[in-house]
Amino acid sequence: MSTTAPTVDAERFHGRNRIASRAIRAVVSAVTATELGTAAKTVGVELVDDNGALAVTVSAPVRVASLVAIAHGRLGKAPTASVLERAGEARAIIRDRVRELTGSEIGPVNVRLTAARIEGDERVR
């Protein structure tokens, strides 16, 4: 006795996959944290419909190297990009990675830097 799989009419069963906004927020938070060198739990995410696209606003601290630590060679060479340049680069990366990971149409991405977490500024004993 031979069984064959039933054929499916692709035209009848087309549709969309929906991703919950909570999942998209988690993806945006993780991507932002990676780009700004901070923890995902410190990233705030706001999503708004923008004529069918998703407008994204993120608020997060940014990790920056201490100038004293750089001068003493504790963190390698001085950064080549300013904090504002890094925020601009992060904005483009956030848009592209979130679109790639979620399949959502991403509109404008705004990055608000809330603080600077200075790395390598601990006291020497």
PDB file of N, CA and C in Angstrom:
ATOM      1  N   MET A   1       0.830  -1.162   0.000  1.00  0.00           N
ATOM      2  CA  MET A   1       0.000   0.000   0.000  1.00  0.00           C
ATOM      3  C   MET A   1       0.883   1.237   0.000  1.00  0.00           C
ATOM      4  N   SER A   2       0.696   2.053  -0.947  1.00  0.00           N
ATOM      5  CA  SER A   2       1.513   3.237  -1.139  1.00  0.00           C
ATOM      6  C   SER A   2       0.727   4.490  -0.745  1.00  0.00           C
ATOM      7  N   THR A   3       1.383   5.349   0.041  1.00  0.00           N
ATOM      8  CA  THR A   3       0.736   6.614   0.388  1.00  0.00           C
ATOM      9  C   THR A   3       1.530   7.748  -0.217  1.00  0.00           C
ATOM     10  N   THR A   4       0.827   8.691  -0.710  1.00  0.00           N
ATOM     11  CA  THR A   4       1.487   9.867  -1.280  1.00  0.00           C
ATOM     12  C   THR A   4       1.037  11.093  -0.493  1.00  0.00           C
ATOM     13  N   ALA A   5       1.919  12.040  -0.391  1.00  0.00           N
ATOM     14  CA  ALA A   5       1.590  13.272   0.331  1.00  0.00           C
ATOM     15  C   ALA A   5       0.589  14.070  -0.483  1.00  0.00           C
ATOM     16  N   PRO A   6      -0.380  14.651   0.185  1.00  0.00           N
ATOM     17  CA  PRO A   6      -1.349  15.457  -0.551  1.00  0.00           C
ATOM     18  C   PRO A   6      -0.681  16.703  -1.128  1.00  0.00           C
ATOM     19  N   THR A   7      -1.126  17.130  -2.257  1.00  0.00           N
ATOM     20  CA  THR A   7      -0.586  18.344  -2.862  1.00  0.00           C
ATOM     21  C   THR A   7      -1.269  19.550  -2.241  1.00  0.00           C
ATOM     22  N   VAL A   8      -0.517  20.604  -2.105  1.00  0.00           N
ATOM     23  CA  VAL A   8      -1.026  21.831  -1.501  1.00  0.00           C
ATOM     24  C   VAL A   8      -1.049  22.912  -2.560  1.00  0.00           C
ATOM     25  N   ASP A   9      -2.166  23.562  -2.677  1.00  0.00           N
ATOM     26  CA  ASP A   9      -2.304  24.661  -3.617  1.00  0.00           C
ATOM     27  C   ASP A   9      -1.670  25.903  -2.992  1.00  0.00           C
ATOM     28  N   ALA A  10      -0.503  26.282  -3.479  1.00  0.00           N
ATOM     29  CA  ALA A  10       0.236  27.392  -2.899  1.00  0.00           C
ATOM     30  C   ALA A  10      -0.542  28.704  -2.986  1.00  0.00           C
ATOM     31  N   GLU A  11      -1.346  28.892  -3.990  1.00  0.00           N
ATOM     32  CA  GLU A  11      -2.120  30.116  -4.137  1.00  0.00           C
ATOM     33  C   GLU A  11      -3.179  30.257  -3.047  1.00  0.00           C
ATOM     34  N   ARG A  12      -3.699  29.167  -2.547  1.00  0.00           N
ATOM     35  CA  ARG A  12      -4.727  29.215  -1.506  1.00  0.00           C
ATOM     36  C   ARG A  12      -4.165  29.479  -0.127  1.00  0.00           C
ATOM     37  N   PHE A  13      -2.922  29.103   0.101  1.00  0.00           N
ATOM     38  CA  PHE A  13      -2.349  29.176   1.445  1.00  0.00           C
ATOM     39  C   PHE A  13      -1.184  30.156   1.532  1.00  0.00           C
ATOM     40  N   HIS A  14      -1.363  31.319   1.006  1.00  0.00           N
ATOM     41  CA  HIS A  14      -0.309  32.315   1.172  1.00  0.00           C
ATOM     42  C   HIS A  14      -0.691  33.231   2.329  1.00  0.00           C
ATOM     43  N   GLY A  15       0.295  33.841   2.942  1.00  0.00           N
ATOM     44  CA  GLY A  15       0.009  34.681   4.099  1.00  0.00           C
ATOM     45  C   GLY A  15       1.272  35.315   4.630  1.00  0.00           C
ATOM     46  N   ARG A  16       1.215  35.700   5.868  1.00  0.00           N
ATOM     47  CA  ARG A  16       2.340  36.388   6.501  1.00  0.00           C
ATOM     48  C   ARG A  16       2.670  35.735   7.830  1.00  0.00           C
ATOM     49  N   ASN A  17       3.897  35.848   8.190  1.00  0.00           N
ATOM     50  CA  ASN A  17       4.306  35.479   9.543  1.00  0.00           C
ATOM     51  C   ASN A  17       4.319  36.760  10.358  1.00  0.00           C
ATOM     52  N   ARG A  18       3.811  36.714  11.550  1.00  0.00           N
ATOM     53  CA  ARG A  18       3.802  37.889  12.406  1.00  0.00           C
ATOM     54  C   ARG A  18       4.765  37.661  13.562  1.00  0.00           C
ATOM     55  N   ILE A  19       5.540  38.666  13.830  1.00  0.00           N
ATOM     56  CA  ILE A  19       6.474  38.613  14.950  1.00  0.00           C
ATOM     57  C   ILE A  19       5.956  39.592  16.000  1.00  0.00           C
ATOM     58  N   ALA A  20       5.815  39.140  17.212  1.00  0.00           N
ATOM     59  CA  ALA A  20       5.304  39.993  18.286  1.00  0.00           C
ATOM     60  C   ALA A  20       6.232  41.177  18.520  1.00  0.00           C
ATOM     61  N   SER A  21       5.646  42.307  18.881  1.00  0.00           N
ATOM     62  CA  SER A  21       6.451  43.512  19.102  1.00  0.00           C
ATOM     63  C   SER A  21       7.467  43.292  20.220  1.00  0.00           C
ATOM     64  N   ARG A  22       7.120  42.450  21.194  1.00  0.00           N
ATOM     65  CA  ARG A  22       8.060  42.153  22.278  1.00  0.00           C
ATOM     66  C   ARG A  22       9.313  41.463  21.742  1.00  0.00           C
ATOM     67  N   ALA A  23       9.135  40.586  20.771  1.00  0.00           N
ATOM     68  CA  ALA A  23      10.283  39.900  20.170  1.00  0.00           C
ATOM     69  C   ALA A  23      11.128  40.878  19.354  1.00  0.00           C
ATOM     70  N   ILE A  24      10.468  41.768  18.634  1.00  0.00           N
ATOM     71  CA  ILE A  24      11.217  42.761  17.852  1.00  0.00           C
ATOM     72  C   ILE A  24      11.989  43.683  18.787  1.00  0.00           C
ATOM     73  N   ARG A  25      11.366  44.080  19.897  1.00  0.00           N
ATOM     74  CA  ARG A  25      12.063  44.914  20.886  1.00  0.00           C
ATOM     75  C   ARG A  25      13.308  44.206  21.414  1.00  0.00           C
ATOM     76  N   ALA A  26      13.203  42.920  21.664  1.00  0.00           N
ATOM     77  CA  ALA A  26      14.349  42.154  22.168  1.00  0.00           C
ATOM     78  C   ALA A  26      15.474  42.117  21.136  1.00  0.00           C
ATOM     79  N   VAL A  27      15.119  41.955  19.874  1.00  0.00           N
ATOM     80  CA  VAL A  27      16.128  41.944  18.806  1.00  0.00           C
ATOM     81  C   VAL A  27      16.791  43.316  18.699  1.00  0.00           C
ATOM     82  N   VAL A  28      15.989  44.379  18.695  1.00  0.00           N
ATOM     83  CA  VAL A  28      16.531  45.740  18.609  1.00  0.00           C
ATOM     84  C   VAL A  28      17.453  46.009  19.797  1.00  0.00           C
ATOM     85  N   SER A  29      17.026  45.599  20.977  1.00  0.00           N
ATOM     86  CA  SER A  29      17.823  45.806  22.177  1.00  0.00           C
ATOM     87  C   SER A  29      19.168  45.080  22.097  1.00  0.00           C
ATOM     88  N   ALA A  30      19.158  43.844  21.649  1.00  0.00           N
ATOM     89  CA  ALA A  30      20.401  43.064  21.555  1.00  0.00           C
ATOM     90  C   ALA A  30      21.351  43.645  20.509  1.00  0.00           C
ATOM     91  N   VAL A  31      20.825  44.024  19.365  1.00  0.00           N
ATOM     92  CA  VAL A  31      21.661  44.591  18.300  1.00  0.00           C
ATOM     93  C   VAL A  31      22.260  45.919  18.766  1.00  0.00           C
ATOM     94  N   THR A  32      21.445  46.755  19.402  1.00  0.00           N
ATOM     95  CA  THR A  32      21.919  48.047  19.897  1.00  0.00           C
ATOM     96  C   THR A  32      22.998  47.855  20.953  1.00  0.00           C
ATOM     97  N   ALA A  33      22.778  46.950  21.882  1.00  0.00           N
ATOM     98  CA  ALA A  33      23.751  46.695  22.944  1.00  0.00           C
ATOM     99  C   ALA A  33      25.091  46.260  22.367  1.00  0.00           C
ATOM    100  N   THR A  34      25.054  45.410  21.369  1.00  0.00           N
ATOM    101  CA  THR A  34      26.291  44.952  20.732  1.00  0.00           C
ATOM    102  C   THR A  34      27.033  46.121  20.078  1.00  0.00           C
ATOM    103  N   GLU A  35      26.307  46.971  19.386  1.00  0.00           N
ATOM    104  CA  GLU A  35      26.942  48.073  18.663  1.00  0.00           C
ATOM    105  C   GLU A  35      27.485  49.166  19.582  1.00  0.00           C
ATOM    106  N   LEU A  36      26.813  49.425  20.701  1.00  0.00           N
ATOM    107  CA  LEU A  36      27.238  50.501  21.594  1.00  0.00           C
ATOM    108  C   LEU A  36      28.075  50.013  22.769  1.00  0.00           C
ATOM    109  N   GLY A  37      28.283  48.687  22.854  1.00  0.00           N
ATOM    110  CA  GLY A  37      29.136  48.138  23.895  1.00  0.00           C
ATOM    111  C   GLY A  37      28.531  48.241  25.283  1.00  0.00           C
ATOM    112  N   THR A  38      27.245  47.956  25.388  1.00  0.00           N
ATOM    113  CA  THR A  38      26.556  48.029  26.669  1.00  0.00           C
ATOM    114  C   THR A  38      25.716  46.771  26.869  1.00  0.00           C
ATOM    115  N   ALA A  39      25.040  46.666  27.987  1.00  0.00           N
ATOM    116  CA  ALA A  39      24.180  45.511  28.261  1.00  0.00           C
ATOM    117  C   ALA A  39      22.801  45.749  27.645  1.00  0.00           C
ATOM    118  N   ALA A  40      22.186  44.687  27.155  1.00  0.00           N
ATOM    119  CA  ALA A  40      20.866  44.797  26.524  1.00  0.00           C
ATOM    120  C   ALA A  40      19.825  45.340  27.494  1.00  0.00           C
ATOM    121  N   LYS A  41      19.972  45.055  28.780  1.00  0.00           N
ATOM    122  CA  LYS A  41      18.984  45.523  29.762  1.00  0.00           C
ATOM    123  C   LYS A  41      19.041  47.034  29.959  1.00  0.00           C
ATOM    124  N   THR A  42      20.100  47.692  29.496  1.00  0.00           N
ATOM    125  CA  THR A  42      20.208  49.145  29.631  1.00  0.00           C
ATOM    126  C   THR A  42      19.655  49.889  28.421  1.00  0.00           C
ATOM    127  N   VAL A  43      19.170  49.152  27.430  1.00  0.00           N
ATOM    128  CA  VAL A  43      18.676  49.754  26.190  1.00  0.00           C
ATOM    129  C   VAL A  43      17.165  49.912  26.249  1.00  0.00           C
ATOM    130  N   GLY A  44      16.692  51.121  25.984  1.00  0.00           N
ATOM    131  CA  GLY A  44      15.261  51.372  25.866  1.00  0.00           C
ATOM    132  C   GLY A  44      14.883  51.360  24.395  1.00  0.00           C
ATOM    133  N   VAL A  45      13.737  50.769  24.076  1.00  0.00           N
ATOM    134  CA  VAL A  45      13.312  50.653  22.677  1.00  0.00           C
ATOM    135  C   VAL A  45      11.881  51.160  22.542  1.00  0.00           C
ATOM    136  N   GLU A  46      11.655  52.006  21.539  1.00  0.00           N
ATOM    137  CA  GLU A  46      10.318  52.477  21.214  1.00  0.00           C
ATOM    138  C   GLU A  46      10.064  52.168  19.740  1.00  0.00           C
ATOM    139  N   LEU A  47       8.936  51.504  19.465  1.00  0.00           N
ATOM    140  CA  LEU A  47       8.555  51.150  18.098  1.00  0.00           C
ATOM    141  C   LEU A  47       7.265  51.877  17.745  1.00  0.00           C
ATOM    142  N   VAL A  48       7.232  52.487  16.558  1.00  0.00           N
ATOM    143  CA  VAL A  48       6.056  53.224  16.105  1.00  0.00           C
ATOM    144  C   VAL A  48       5.830  52.909  14.632  1.00  0.00           C
ATOM    145  N   ASP A  49       4.563  52.762  14.247  1.00  0.00           N
ATOM    146  CA  ASP A  49       4.214  52.556  12.843  1.00  0.00           C
ATOM    147  C   ASP A  49       4.472  53.844  12.081  1.00  0.00           C
ATOM    148  N   ASP A  50       5.198  53.747  10.982  1.00  0.00           N
ATOM    149  CA  ASP A  50       5.522  54.895  10.146  1.00  0.00           C
ATOM    150  C   ASP A  50       5.113  54.581   8.709  1.00  0.00           C
ATOM    151  N   ASN A  51       3.801  54.694   8.418  1.00  0.00           N
ATOM    152  CA  ASN A  51       3.266  54.395   7.092  1.00  0.00           C
ATOM    153  C   ASN A  51       3.631  52.993   6.616  1.00  0.00           C
ATOM    154  N   GLY A  52       3.458  52.025   7.472  1.00  0.00           N
ATOM    155  CA  GLY A  52       3.726  50.637   7.122  1.00  0.00           C
ATOM    156  C   GLY A  52       5.109  50.161   7.491  1.00  0.00           C
ATOM    157  N   ALA A  53       6.028  51.076   7.709  1.00  0.00           N
ATOM    158  CA  ALA A  53       7.371  50.702   8.153  1.00  0.00           C
ATOM    159  C   ALA A  53       7.423  50.855   9.668  1.00  0.00           C
ATOM    160  N   LEU A  54       8.471  50.389  10.256  1.00  0.00           N
ATOM    161  CA  LEU A  54       8.632  50.438  11.701  1.00  0.00           C
ATOM    162  C   LEU A  54       9.670  51.493  12.045  1.00  0.00           C
ATOM    163  N   ALA A  55       9.239  52.594  12.686  1.00  0.00           N
ATOM    164  CA  ALA A  55      10.169  53.615  13.156  1.00  0.00           C
ATOM    165  C   ALA A  55      10.711  53.155  14.504  1.00  0.00           C
ATOM    166  N   VAL A  56      12.009  53.202  14.665  1.00  0.00           N
ATOM    167  CA  VAL A  56      12.667  52.684  15.860  1.00  0.00           C
ATOM    168  C   VAL A  56      13.426  53.818  16.551  1.00  0.00           C
ATOM    169  N   THR A  57      13.214  53.935  17.856  1.00  0.00           N
ATOM    170  CA  THR A  57      14.001  54.859  18.679  1.00  0.00           C
ATOM    171  C   THR A  57      14.621  54.051  19.800  1.00  0.00           C
ATOM    172  N   VAL A  58      15.937  54.158  19.914  1.00  0.00           N
ATOM    173  CA  VAL A  58      16.646  53.467  20.988  1.00  0.00           C
ATOM    174  C   VAL A  58      17.315  54.492  21.889  1.00  0.00           C
ATOM    175  N   SER A  59      17.311  54.215  23.182  1.00  0.00           N
ATOM    176  CA  SER A  59      17.993  55.039  24.173  1.00  0.00           C
ATOM    177  C   SER A  59      18.939  54.126  24.928  1.00  0.00           C
ATOM    178  N   ALA A  60      20.214  54.511  24.961  1.00  0.00           N
ATOM    179  CA  ALA A  60      21.196  53.630  25.599  1.00  0.00           C
ATOM    180  C   ALA A  60      22.459  54.397  25.954  1.00  0.00           C
ATOM    181  N   PRO A  61      23.174  53.903  26.961  1.00  0.00           N
ATOM    182  CA  PRO A  61      24.506  54.453  27.220  1.00  0.00           C
ATOM    183  C   PRO A  61      25.479  53.917  26.179  1.00  0.00           C
ATOM    184  N   VAL A  62      26.585  54.593  26.024  1.00  0.00           N
ATOM    185  CA  VAL A  62      27.611  54.140  25.087  1.00  0.00           C
ATOM    186  C   VAL A  62      28.914  53.936  25.858  1.00  0.00           C
ATOM    187  N   ARG A  63      29.623  52.896  25.495  1.00  0.00           N
ATOM    188  CA  ARG A  63      30.918  52.623  26.137  1.00  0.00           C
ATOM    189  C   ARG A  63      31.991  53.442  25.423  1.00  0.00           C
ATOM    190  N   VAL A  64      32.789  54.172  26.181  1.00  0.00           N
ATOM    191  CA  VAL A  64      33.884  54.955  25.612  1.00  0.00           C
ATOM    192  C   VAL A  64      35.165  54.640  26.382  1.00  0.00           C
ATOM    193  N   ALA A  65      36.267  54.774  25.715  1.00  0.00           N
ATOM    194  CA  ALA A  65      37.559  54.497  26.336  1.00  0.00           C
ATOM    195  C   ALA A  65      38.042  55.725  27.097  1.00  0.00           C
ATOM    196  N   SER A  66      38.610  55.504  28.261  1.00  0.00           N
ATOM    197  CA  SER A  66      39.188  56.583  29.060  1.00  0.00           C
ATOM    198  C   SER A  66      40.422  57.125  28.336  1.00  0.00           C
ATOM    199  N   LEU A  67      40.506  58.452  28.245  1.00  0.00           N
ATOM    200  CA  LEU A  67      41.673  59.049  27.588  1.00  0.00           C
ATOM    201  C   LEU A  67      42.948  58.787  28.380  1.00  0.00           C
ATOM    202  N   VAL A  68      42.833  58.721  29.702  1.00  0.00           N
ATOM    203  CA  VAL A  68      43.989  58.423  30.547  1.00  0.00           C
ATOM    204  C   VAL A  68      44.475  57.003  30.267  1.00  0.00           C
ATOM    205  N   ALA A  69      43.550  56.063  30.180  1.00  0.00           N
ATOM    206  CA  ALA A  69      43.922  54.673  29.913  1.00  0.00           C
ATOM    207  C   ALA A  69      44.553  54.541  28.529  1.00  0.00           C
ATOM    208  N   ILE A  70      44.045  55.268  27.560  1.00  0.00           N
ATOM    209  CA  ILE A  70      44.619  55.231  26.210  1.00  0.00           C
ATOM    210  C   ILE A  70      46.023  55.824  26.229  1.00  0.00           C
ATOM    211  N   ALA A  71      46.184  56.956  26.940  1.00  0.00           N
ATOM    212  CA  ALA A  71      47.495  57.615  27.013  1.00  0.00           C
ATOM    213  C   ALA A  71      48.547  56.721  27.652  1.00  0.00           C
ATOM    214  N   HIS A  72      48.132  55.900  28.622  1.00  0.00           N
ATOM    215  CA  HIS A  72      49.072  54.997  29.291  1.00  0.00           C
ATOM    216  C   HIS A  72      49.167  53.640  28.608  1.00  0.00           C
ATOM    217  N   GLY A  73      48.471  53.482  27.482  1.00  0.00           N
ATOM    218  CA  GLY A  73      48.558  52.243  26.713  1.00  0.00           C
ATOM    219  C   GLY A  73      47.801  51.069  27.290  1.00  0.00           C
ATOM    220  N   ARG A  74      46.879  51.308  28.221  1.00  0.00           N
ATOM    221  CA  ARG A  74      46.148  50.206  28.849  1.00  0.00           C
ATOM    222  C   ARG A  74      45.027  49.668  27.958  1.00  0.00           C
ATOM    223  N   LEU A  75      44.554  50.456  26.997  1.00  0.00           N
ATOM    224  CA  LEU A  75      43.450  50.006  26.146  1.00  0.00           C
ATOM    225  C   LEU A  75      43.803  49.982  24.668  1.00  0.00           C
ATOM    226  N   GLY A  76      45.070  50.000  24.365  1.00  0.00           N
ATOM    227  CA  GLY A  76      45.450  49.983  22.955  1.00  0.00           C
ATOM    228  C   GLY A  76      45.476  51.381  22.386  1.00  0.00           C
ATOM    229  N   LYS A  77      45.186  51.495  21.095  1.00  0.00           N
ATOM    230  CA  LYS A  77      45.275  52.800  20.440  1.00  0.00           C
ATOM    231  C   LYS A  77      43.982  53.600  20.634  1.00  0.00           C
ATOM    232  N   ALA A  78      44.087  54.882  20.394  1.00  0.00           N
ATOM    233  CA  ALA A  78      42.946  55.776  20.550  1.00  0.00           C
ATOM    234  C   ALA A  78      41.877  55.450  19.504  1.00  0.00           C
ATOM    235  N   PRO A  79      40.583  55.619  19.872  1.00  0.00           N
ATOM    236  CA  PRO A  79      39.522  55.354  18.900  1.00  0.00           C
ATOM    237  C   PRO A  79      39.608  56.334  17.733  1.00  0.00           C
ATOM    238  N   THR A  80      39.241  55.864  16.568  1.00  0.00           N
ATOM    239  CA  THR A  80      39.319  56.712  15.378  1.00  0.00           C
ATOM    240  C   THR A  80      37.998  57.406  15.085  1.00  0.00           C
ATOM    241  N   ALA A  81      36.911  56.967  15.683  1.00  0.00           N
ATOM    242  CA  ALA A  81      35.601  57.573  15.437  1.00  0.00           C
ATOM    243  C   ALA A  81      35.109  58.279  16.703  1.00  0.00           C
ATOM    244  N   SER A  82      34.461  59.419  16.509  1.00  0.00           N
ATOM    245  CA  SER A  82      33.879  60.131  17.641  1.00  0.00           C
ATOM    246  C   SER A  82      32.631  59.399  18.113  1.00  0.00           C
ATOM    247  N   VAL A  83      32.121  59.801  19.268  1.00  0.00           N
ATOM    248  CA  VAL A  83      30.912  59.189  19.803  1.00  0.00           C
ATOM    249  C   VAL A  83      29.746  59.417  18.840  1.00  0.00           C
ATOM    250  N   LEU A  84      29.647  60.611  18.271  1.00  0.00           N
ATOM    251  CA  LEU A  84      28.569  60.897  17.322  1.00  0.00           C
ATOM    252  C   LEU A  84      28.699  60.071  16.040  1.00  0.00           C
ATOM    253  N   GLU A  85      29.915  59.871  15.574  1.00  0.00           N
ATOM    254  CA  GLU A  85      30.117  59.023  14.399  1.00  0.00           C
ATOM    255  C   GLU A  85      29.735  57.577  14.702  1.00  0.00           C
ATOM    256  N   ARG A  86      30.084  57.112  15.894  1.00  0.00           N
ATOM    257  CA  ARG A  86      29.711  55.755  16.296  1.00  0.00           C
ATOM    258  C   ARG A  86      28.202  55.597  16.373  1.00  0.00           C
ATOM    259  N   ALA A  87      27.499  56.630  16.878  1.00  0.00           N
ATOM    260  CA  ALA A  87      26.035  56.578  16.954  1.00  0.00           C
ATOM    261  C   ALA A  87      25.433  56.514  15.553  1.00  0.00           C
ATOM    262  N   GLY A  88      25.990  57.257  14.614  1.00  0.00           N
ATOM    263  CA  GLY A  88      25.513  57.221  13.232  1.00  0.00           C
ATOM    264  C   GLY A  88      25.743  55.866  12.588  1.00  0.00           C
ATOM    265  N   GLU A  89      26.918  55.288  12.824  1.00  0.00           N
ATOM    266  CA  GLU A  89      27.207  53.952  12.298  1.00  0.00           C
ATOM    267  C   GLU A  89      26.285  52.915  12.937  1.00  0.00           C
ATOM    268  N   ALA A  90      26.046  53.048  14.237  1.00  0.00           N
ATOM    269  CA  ALA A  90      25.160  52.114  14.941  1.00  0.00           C
ATOM    270  C   ALA A  90      23.750  52.188  14.368  1.00  0.00           C
ATOM    271  N   ARG A  91      23.302  53.387  14.038  1.00  0.00           N
ATOM    272  CA  ARG A  91      21.952  53.560  13.484  1.00  0.00           C
ATOM    273  C   ARG A  91      21.785  52.765  12.198  1.00  0.00           C
ATOM    274  N   ALA A  92      22.756  52.840  11.318  1.00  0.00           N
ATOM    275  CA  ALA A  92      22.684  52.095  10.054  1.00  0.00           C
ATOM    276  C   ALA A  92      22.752  50.588  10.299  1.00  0.00           C
ATOM    277  N   ILE A  93      23.603  50.162  11.208  1.00  0.00           N
ATOM    278  CA  ILE A  93      23.741  48.736  11.503  1.00  0.00           C
ATOM    279  C   ILE A  93      22.472  48.201  12.159  1.00  0.00           C
ATOM    280  N   ILE A  94      21.894  48.976  13.083  1.00  0.00           N
ATOM    281  CA  ILE A  94      20.643  48.559  13.729  1.00  0.00           C
ATOM    282  C   ILE A  94      19.566  48.352  12.674  1.00  0.00           C
ATOM    283  N   ARG A  95      19.402  49.314  11.767  1.00  0.00           N
ATOM    284  CA  ARG A  95      18.390  49.205  10.712  1.00  0.00           C
ATOM    285  C   ARG A  95      18.597  47.937   9.873  1.00  0.00           C
ATOM    286  N   ASP A  96      19.817  47.723   9.428  1.00  0.00           N
ATOM    287  CA  ASP A  96      20.095  46.580   8.553  1.00  0.00           C
ATOM    288  C   ASP A  96      19.957  45.243   9.271  1.00  0.00           C
ATOM    289  N   ARG A  97      20.522  45.125  10.485  1.00  0.00           N
ATOM    290  CA  ARG A  97      20.473  43.847  11.216  1.00  0.00           C
ATOM    291  C   ARG A  97      19.059  43.490  11.643  1.00  0.00           C
ATOM    292  N   VAL A  98      18.282  44.478  12.128  1.00  0.00           N
ATOM    293  CA  VAL A  98      16.911  44.196  12.559  1.00  0.00           C
ATOM    294  C   VAL A  98      16.067  43.784  11.356  1.00  0.00           C
ATOM    295  N   ARG A  99      16.258  44.434  10.224  1.00  0.00           N
ATOM    296  CA  ARG A  99      15.542  44.056   8.999  1.00  0.00           C
ATOM    297  C   ARG A  99      15.913  42.628   8.600  1.00  0.00           C
ATOM    298  N   GLU A 100      17.199  42.313   8.672  1.00  0.00           N
ATOM    299  CA  GLU A 100      17.676  40.981   8.305  1.00  0.00           C
ATOM    300  C   GLU A 100      17.147  39.903   9.253  1.00  0.00           C
ATOM    301  N   LEU A 101      17.146  40.178  10.551  1.00  0.00           N
ATOM    302  CA  LEU A 101      16.755  39.174  11.537  1.00  0.00           C
ATOM    303  C   LEU A 101      15.245  38.988  11.669  1.00  0.00           C
ATOM    304  N   THR A 102      14.475  40.068  11.488  1.00  0.00           N
ATOM    305  CA  THR A 102      13.033  39.972  11.702  1.00  0.00           C
ATOM    306  C   THR A 102      12.222  39.969  10.420  1.00  0.00           C
ATOM    307  N   GLY A 103      12.798  40.451   9.335  1.00  0.00           N
ATOM    308  CA  GLY A 103      12.049  40.563   8.092  1.00  0.00           C
ATOM    309  C   GLY A 103      11.113  41.754   8.068  1.00  0.00           C
ATOM    310  N   SER A 104      11.169  42.596   9.089  1.00  0.00           N
ATOM    311  CA  SER A 104      10.308  43.774   9.172  1.00  0.00           C
ATOM    312  C   SER A 104      10.856  44.893   8.300  1.00  0.00           C
ATOM    313  N   GLU A 105       9.959  45.710   7.778  1.00  0.00           N
ATOM    314  CA  GLU A 105      10.365  46.900   7.036  1.00  0.00           C
ATOM    315  C   GLU A 105      10.693  47.972   8.063  1.00  0.00           C
ATOM    316  N   ILE A 106      11.950  48.400   8.104  1.00  0.00           N
ATOM    317  CA  ILE A 106      12.402  49.354   9.106  1.00  0.00           C
ATOM    318  C   ILE A 106      12.487  50.733   8.471  1.00  0.00           C
ATOM    319  N   GLY A 107      11.844  51.688   9.109  1.00  0.00           N
ATOM    320  CA  GLY A 107      11.874  53.078   8.666  1.00  0.00           C
ATOM    321  C   GLY A 107      13.019  53.810   9.350  1.00  0.00           C
ATOM    322  N   PRO A 108      12.755  55.011   9.824  1.00  0.00           N
ATOM    323  CA  PRO A 108      13.822  55.769  10.480  1.00  0.00           C
ATOM    324  C   PRO A 108      14.247  55.139  11.803  1.00  0.00           C
ATOM    325  N   VAL A 109      15.531  55.238  12.093  1.00  0.00           N
ATOM    326  CA  VAL A 109      16.090  54.752  13.357  1.00  0.00           C
ATOM    327  C   VAL A 109      16.748  55.937  14.052  1.00  0.00           C
ATOM    328  N   ASN A 110      16.313  56.215  15.260  1.00  0.00           N
ATOM    329  CA  ASN A 110      16.893  57.298  16.061  1.00  0.00           C
ATOM    330  C   ASN A 110      17.665  56.686  17.215  1.00  0.00           C
ATOM    331  N   VAL A 111      18.872  57.187  17.439  1.00  0.00           N
ATOM    332  CA  VAL A 111      19.712  56.705  18.534  1.00  0.00           C
ATOM    333  C   VAL A 111      19.909  57.849  19.521  1.00  0.00           C
ATOM    334  N   ARG A 112      19.468  57.646  20.752  1.00  0.00           N
ATOM    335  CA  ARG A 112      19.659  58.630  21.823  1.00  0.00           C
ATOM    336  C   ARG A 112      20.673  58.071  22.807  1.00  0.00           C
ATOM    337  N   LEU A 113      21.767  58.769  22.954  1.00  0.00           N
ATOM    338  CA  LEU A 113      22.794  58.337  23.902  1.00  0.00           C
ATOM    339  C   LEU A 113      22.472  58.940  25.264  1.00  0.00           C
ATOM    340  N   THR A 114      22.302  58.088  26.268  1.00  0.00           N
ATOM    341  CA  THR A 114      21.864  58.545  27.580  1.00  0.00           C
ATOM    342  C   THR A 114      23.002  58.765  28.563  1.00  0.00           C
ATOM    343  N   ALA A 115      24.134  58.126  28.329  1.00  0.00           N
ATOM    344  CA  ALA A 115      25.276  58.252  29.235  1.00  0.00           C
ATOM    345  C   ALA A 115      26.513  57.710  28.533  1.00  0.00           C
ATOM    346  N   ALA A 116      27.653  58.026  29.118  1.00  0.00           N
ATOM    347  CA  ALA A 116      28.916  57.473  28.643  1.00  0.00           C
ATOM    348  C   ALA A 116      29.473  56.582  29.742  1.00  0.00           C
ATOM    349  N   ARG A 117      29.672  55.319  29.428  1.00  0.00           N
ATOM    350  CA  ARG A 117      30.292  54.385  30.372  1.00  0.00           C
ATOM    351  C   ARG A 117      31.781  54.355  30.050  1.00  0.00           C
ATOM    352  N   ILE A 118      32.562  54.940  30.914  1.00  0.00           N
ATOM    353  CA  ILE A 118      33.990  55.078  30.644  1.00  0.00           C
ATOM    354  C   ILE A 118      34.707  53.796  31.022  1.00  0.00           C
ATOM    355  N   GLU A 119      35.397  53.234  30.065  1.00  0.00           N
ATOM    356  CA  GLU A 119      36.110  51.960  30.223  1.00  0.00           C
ATOM    357  C   GLU A 119      37.579  52.215  30.517  1.00  0.00           C
ATOM    358  N   GLY A 120      38.126  51.499  31.485  1.00  0.00           N
ATOM    359  CA  GLY A 120      39.549  51.576  31.780  1.00  0.00           C
ATOM    360  C   GLY A 120      39.924  52.757  32.648  1.00  0.00           C
ATOM    361  N   ASP A 121      38.963  53.302  33.402  1.00  0.00           N
ATOM    362  CA  ASP A 121      39.233  54.477  34.234  1.00  0.00           C
ATOM    363  C   ASP A 121      39.355  54.108  35.718  1.00  0.00           C
ATOM    364  N   GLU A 122      39.572  52.822  35.996  1.00  0.00           N
ATOM    365  CA  GLU A 122      39.681  52.421  37.394  1.00  0.00           C
ATOM    366  C   GLU A 122      41.006  52.917  37.985  1.00  0.00           C
ATOM    367  N   ARG A 123      41.008  53.088  39.273  1.00  0.00           N
ATOM    368  CA  ARG A 123      42.201  53.600  39.965  1.00  0.00           C
ATOM    369  C   ARG A 123      43.293  52.547  40.023  1.00  0.00           C
ATOM    370  N   VAL A 124      44.512  53.019  39.935  1.00  0.00           N
ATOM    371  CA  VAL A 124      45.653  52.132  40.061  1.00  0.00           C
ATOM    372  C   VAL A 124      46.075  52.134  41.531  1.00  0.00           C
ATOM    373  N   ARG A 125      46.317  50.943  42.113  1.00  0.00           N
ATOM    374  CA  ARG A 125      46.691  50.858  43.538  1.00  0.00           C
ATOM    375  C   ARG A 125      48.132  50.537  43.699  1.00  0.00           C
TER     376      ARG A 125
END
